[in-house]
Amino acid sequence: MLFKESGDKGSRITFLFFNGFGSDYSYWDKLIPYFQNYHCVMLSENYFNQGNDVSVDELRNALQKRYIVGVGHSLGYEKLCLLQERYDFIKLKKIVAVEGFSRYLGNNLLLRPHRKLPLDMMKVSYATNTIGTLVQFMMFCGQLAPTIPTSVNEKIFFGDLNLLDDGIVPPNIPHLVLSSLDDYIIPFYIIEDNFGKLSDVKILYTEGVGHLLGFKQPEFVYFKIMDFIQKN
C-alpha cells in the first residue's frame, strides 16, 4: 500500500483518502488542492509497482490520535473500513463514500445475479488481457484518454478484483454518500441498496460525470464534504 501526505499537519482534521480499484493517486489530483489547509493522507494499493509500501509505523505516526474523516472512492470506501478494523490507531469519525460501495453485488438477492454475470465476464477479460481491459474500464468510467500502465502487480490486482464478490458491513459512524446518476459502475440502485438503511447517512446525487465524480466535479465534492464535517 502506497502513502502520501500533504497539507497542514497541524490542522485539527486529517482527511484520509483511498482511491478505487485499478487507479492511483491521480484520481484526487483536482480535489486535493481544495484541502490545502487540512492534513491529508492519501493511500493507494500499489497496483502498478510505483514505489515502496508504507510501513505500519509510518501509518501510526500519521494517523494515531487524529480526528480522521475518511474519503473513499469506489472500492476505496471498503478499503478504509477494512483499515479501521485492522489497525486500532485508525479511528474514523466520519466517512465519505465517493461513488463507493459496501457490497458491489448488492445486498438484495434479486440484484446479485444481475451484477454477478458481468463481473464474472470482466474477470475473464482481465485474466486474458489485463492492461487492455483496464484501459477499457477506465474509458467506461468516463476517462477519455486514460494513462496506460506499463506493468500490473497481479497479486494485488486480482486479489482486489475478487473482493468484489464479497462485501463489508458499513461502520456505525456518520456517512456522506456522493454519486452520479449516470454512474453505470456503481448505479444509484446499488447506492440505495448499500447505504439507504443506515441510521446516520446523507446521500446526494449529481450527474454527468460517470464514475469519476471526484475528478470531474471536485468543487462539488469539496463543498459537500465541508458541509458534512461542520455539522455535529
Protein backbone atom coordinates (compact mmCIF):
# COMPACT_ATOMS: atom_id res chain seq x y z
CA MET A 1 0.00 0.00 0.00
CA LEU A 2 1.37 3.41 -1.01
CA PHE A 3 1.30 6.50 1.18
CA LYS A 4 1.46 10.24 0.59
CA GLU A 5 0.92 13.26 2.86
CA SER A 6 0.06 16.87 2.02
CA GLY A 7 -1.39 20.00 3.57
CA ASP A 8 -1.21 21.32 7.12
CA LYS A 9 -0.14 18.64 9.63
CA GLY A 10 -1.20 20.96 12.44
CA SER A 11 -4.85 21.06 11.40
CA ARG A 12 -7.50 19.60 13.68
CA ILE A 13 -8.83 17.25 10.99
CA THR A 14 -7.00 14.64 8.95
CA PHE A 15 -8.64 13.63 5.69
CA LEU A 16 -7.75 10.05 4.80
CA PHE A 17 -8.21 9.39 1.07
CA PHE A 18 -8.25 6.00 -0.63
CA ASN A 19 -8.77 5.70 -4.39
CA GLY A 20 -10.66 2.92 -6.13
CA PHE A 21 -9.81 -0.28 -7.97
CA GLY A 22 -7.23 -0.09 -10.73
CA SER A 23 -6.42 3.59 -10.16
CA ASP A 24 -3.85 5.60 -8.24
CA TYR A 25 -3.35 8.96 -6.54
CA SER A 26 -4.13 10.80 -9.76
CA TYR A 27 -7.84 10.30 -9.11
CA TRP A 28 -7.53 13.02 -6.44
CA ASP A 29 -5.39 15.45 -8.49
CA LYS A 30 -8.13 18.05 -8.88
CA LEU A 31 -9.68 17.57 -5.44
CA ILE A 32 -6.68 17.65 -3.07
CA PRO A 33 -5.79 21.33 -3.77
CA TYR A 34 -9.11 22.32 -2.15
CA PHE A 35 -7.89 20.70 1.08
CA GLN A 36 -4.56 22.52 1.30
CA ASN A 37 -5.41 23.94 4.75
CA TYR A 38 -6.01 20.46 6.18
CA HIS A 39 -3.80 17.49 6.88
CA CYS A 40 -4.33 14.99 4.06
CA VAL A 41 -3.14 11.40 3.86
CA MET A 42 -3.58 9.54 0.59
CA LEU A 43 -3.42 5.77 0.40
CA SER A 44 -3.39 3.63 -2.71
CA GLU A 45 -2.88 -0.01 -3.48
CA ASN A 46 0.36 -0.49 -5.36
CA TYR A 47 -1.35 -1.84 -8.49
CA PHE A 48 1.36 -0.62 -10.86
CA ASN A 49 4.58 -1.20 -8.87
CA GLN A 50 5.06 2.53 -8.36
CA GLY A 51 7.08 2.55 -5.14
CA ASN A 52 7.70 1.05 -1.72
CA ASP A 53 4.82 0.06 0.53
CA VAL A 54 4.12 2.16 3.62
CA SER A 55 5.17 0.71 6.97
CA VAL A 56 2.81 0.31 9.90
CA ASP A 57 4.94 2.79 11.87
CA GLU A 58 4.53 5.43 9.17
CA LEU A 59 0.78 4.94 9.22
CA ARG A 60 0.69 5.11 13.01
CA ASN A 61 2.75 8.29 13.14
CA ALA A 62 0.48 9.99 10.62
CA LEU A 63 -2.89 8.83 11.94
CA GLN A 64 -2.93 7.92 15.61
CA LYS A 65 -4.82 10.29 17.92
CA ARG A 66 -6.14 12.23 14.93
CA TYR A 67 -9.69 13.29 14.11
CA ILE A 68 -9.97 11.32 10.86
CA VAL A 69 -12.53 11.80 8.12
CA GLY A 70 -12.28 9.01 5.57
CA VAL A 71 -12.89 9.74 1.89
CA GLY A 72 -13.04 6.62 -0.26
CA HIS A 73 -13.69 6.38 -3.97
CA SER A 74 -15.38 3.19 -5.19
CA LEU A 75 -13.56 0.19 -3.64
CA GLY A 76 -11.56 2.74 -1.63
CA TYR A 77 -14.55 3.13 0.70
CA GLU A 78 -14.37 -0.57 1.58
CA LYS A 79 -10.59 -0.32 1.95
CA LEU A 80 -10.96 2.44 4.55
CA CYS A 81 -13.45 0.39 6.54
CA LEU A 82 -11.14 -2.62 6.47
CA LEU A 83 -8.18 -0.49 7.62
CA GLN A 84 -10.18 0.68 10.62
CA GLU A 85 -10.86 -2.94 11.52
CA ARG A 86 -7.21 -3.90 11.07
CA TYR A 87 -5.44 -1.08 12.92
CA ASP A 88 -6.53 0.20 16.32
CA PHE A 89 -4.85 3.56 15.71
CA ILE A 90 -7.15 4.35 12.76
CA LYS A 91 -10.39 5.71 14.19
CA LEU A 92 -12.70 7.16 11.55
CA LYS A 93 -15.02 9.79 13.00
CA LYS A 94 -16.94 10.24 9.76
CA ILE A 95 -16.71 8.72 6.30
CA VAL A 96 -17.46 9.89 2.77
CA ALA A 97 -18.21 7.38 0.03
CA VAL A 98 -17.49 8.97 -3.35
CA GLU A 99 -19.26 6.51 -5.64
CA GLY A 100 -18.31 3.97 -3.00
CA PHE A 101 -19.93 0.69 -2.06
CA SER A 102 -20.01 -1.78 0.79
CA ARG A 103 -21.22 -4.66 -1.38
CA TYR A 104 -20.60 -4.44 -5.12
CA LEU A 105 -23.13 -7.15 -5.95
CA GLY A 106 -25.75 -5.66 -3.64
CA ASN A 107 -27.46 -6.99 -0.53
CA ASN A 108 -30.76 -7.67 -2.26
CA LEU A 109 -30.78 -11.25 -3.54
CA LEU A 110 -32.63 -10.12 -6.66
CA LEU A 111 -29.79 -7.76 -7.56
CA ARG A 112 -26.93 -10.16 -7.13
CA PRO A 113 -27.40 -12.38 -10.24
CA HIS A 114 -27.85 -9.23 -12.34
CA ARG A 115 -24.48 -7.92 -11.12
CA LYS A 116 -22.66 -11.26 -10.90
CA LEU A 117 -22.70 -12.20 -14.58
CA PRO A 118 -20.95 -9.06 -15.89
CA LEU A 119 -18.47 -9.26 -13.01
CA ASP A 120 -17.54 -12.82 -13.97
CA MET A 121 -17.18 -11.77 -17.60
CA MET A 122 -14.95 -8.89 -16.54
CA LYS A 123 -12.72 -11.25 -14.57
CA VAL A 124 -12.26 -13.45 -17.65
CA SER A 125 -11.37 -10.40 -19.71
CA TYR A 126 -8.84 -9.20 -17.13
CA ALA A 127 -7.24 -12.64 -16.98
CA THR A 128 -6.90 -12.65 -20.77
CA ASN A 129 -5.73 -9.06 -21.30
CA THR A 130 -5.19 -7.25 -18.01
CA ILE A 131 -3.92 -3.88 -19.21
CA GLY A 132 -6.20 -3.69 -22.25
CA THR A 133 -9.26 -4.47 -20.13
CA LEU A 134 -8.23 -1.91 -17.51
CA VAL A 135 -7.93 0.80 -20.16
CA GLN A 136 -11.39 -0.10 -21.48
CA PHE A 137 -12.74 0.00 -17.92
CA MET A 138 -11.32 3.48 -17.30
CA MET A 139 -12.85 4.72 -20.55
CA PHE A 140 -16.20 3.25 -19.49
CA CYS A 141 -15.82 5.15 -16.20
CA GLY A 142 -15.62 8.37 -18.22
CA GLN A 143 -11.88 8.90 -18.69
CA LEU A 144 -11.42 9.77 -22.35
CA ALA A 145 -7.63 9.39 -22.51
CA PRO A 146 -6.55 7.09 -19.67
CA THR A 147 -2.90 6.59 -18.87
CA ILE A 148 -1.77 3.15 -19.98
CA PRO A 149 0.21 1.38 -17.23
CA THR A 150 3.41 -0.41 -18.19
CA SER A 151 3.03 -3.16 -15.59
CA VAL A 152 0.50 -4.55 -13.13
CA ASN A 153 1.07 -6.23 -9.77
CA GLU A 154 -1.15 -9.21 -10.50
CA LYS A 155 -1.29 -10.44 -6.90
CA ILE A 156 -2.74 -7.17 -5.63
CA PHE A 157 -4.81 -6.51 -8.74
CA PHE A 158 -6.61 -9.85 -8.88
CA GLY A 159 -6.87 -10.04 -5.10
CA ASP A 160 -8.85 -6.81 -5.13
CA LEU A 161 -10.89 -7.90 -8.12
CA ASN A 162 -12.03 -10.90 -6.10
CA LEU A 163 -13.09 -8.60 -3.24
CA LEU A 164 -15.99 -7.52 -5.43
CA ASP A 165 -17.68 -10.88 -4.81
CA ASP A 166 -17.94 -10.22 -1.09
CA GLY A 167 -18.51 -7.08 0.93
CA ILE A 168 -18.49 -5.49 4.36
CA VAL A 169 -20.92 -4.14 6.94
CA PRO A 170 -20.64 -0.32 6.95
CA PRO A 171 -19.28 1.07 10.22
CA ASN A 172 -21.73 2.75 12.58
CA ILE A 173 -20.48 6.30 12.02
CA PRO A 174 -21.93 9.29 10.14
CA HIS A 175 -21.89 8.75 6.38
CA LEU A 176 -21.97 11.09 3.39
CA VAL A 177 -22.52 9.28 0.11
CA LEU A 178 -21.88 11.15 -3.14
CA SER A 179 -22.63 9.67 -6.53
CA SER A 180 -23.71 10.45 -10.07
CA LEU A 181 -26.95 9.36 -11.67
CA ASP A 182 -25.03 8.35 -14.79
CA ASP A 183 -22.55 6.16 -12.92
CA TYR A 184 -23.00 2.75 -14.53
CA ILE A 185 -20.24 1.10 -12.47
CA ILE A 186 -22.00 1.73 -9.14
CA PRO A 187 -25.53 2.72 -10.21
CA PHE A 188 -27.95 4.52 -7.93
CA TYR A 189 -29.81 1.35 -7.02
CA ILE A 190 -26.61 -0.14 -5.56
CA ILE A 191 -26.00 3.09 -3.64
CA GLU A 192 -29.50 2.93 -2.17
CA ASP A 193 -29.20 -0.81 -1.51
CA ASN A 194 -25.86 -0.42 0.29
CA PHE A 195 -26.44 2.76 2.28
CA GLY A 196 -30.13 3.66 2.25
CA LYS A 197 -30.96 1.98 5.57
CA LEU A 198 -28.07 3.34 7.63
CA SER A 199 -29.12 5.31 10.68
CA ASP A 200 -26.91 8.36 10.03
CA VAL A 201 -26.44 8.85 6.30
CA LYS A 202 -26.91 11.58 3.72
CA ILE A 203 -26.99 10.52 0.06
CA LEU A 204 -26.52 13.17 -2.62
CA TYR A 205 -26.54 12.76 -6.39
CA THR A 206 -25.18 14.82 -9.23
CA GLU A 207 -24.98 13.88 -12.91
CA GLY A 208 -22.80 13.98 -15.97
CA VAL A 209 -19.55 12.61 -14.53
CA GLY A 210 -19.82 8.82 -14.86
CA HIS A 211 -17.66 7.08 -12.25
CA LEU A 212 -15.20 9.98 -11.91
CA LEU A 213 -17.07 12.34 -9.60
CA GLY A 214 -14.06 13.37 -7.51
CA PHE A 215 -12.04 14.05 -10.65
CA LYS A 216 -14.67 15.82 -12.73
CA GLN A 217 -16.58 17.77 -10.07
CA PRO A 218 -14.00 18.42 -7.33
CA GLU A 219 -15.60 21.68 -6.18
CA PHE A 220 -18.97 19.96 -5.69
CA VAL A 221 -17.31 17.17 -3.68
CA TYR A 222 -15.29 19.60 -1.57
CA PHE A 223 -18.22 21.77 -0.54
CA LYS A 224 -20.44 18.79 0.26
CA ILE A 225 -17.68 17.34 2.44
CA MET A 226 -17.24 20.67 4.20
CA ASP A 227 -20.98 20.86 4.92
CA PHE A 228 -20.82 17.32 6.25
CA ILE A 229 -17.93 17.80 8.67
CA GLN A 230 -19.21 21.12 10.00
CA LYS A 231 -22.42 19.55 11.27
CA ASN A 232 -22.26 17.93 14.72
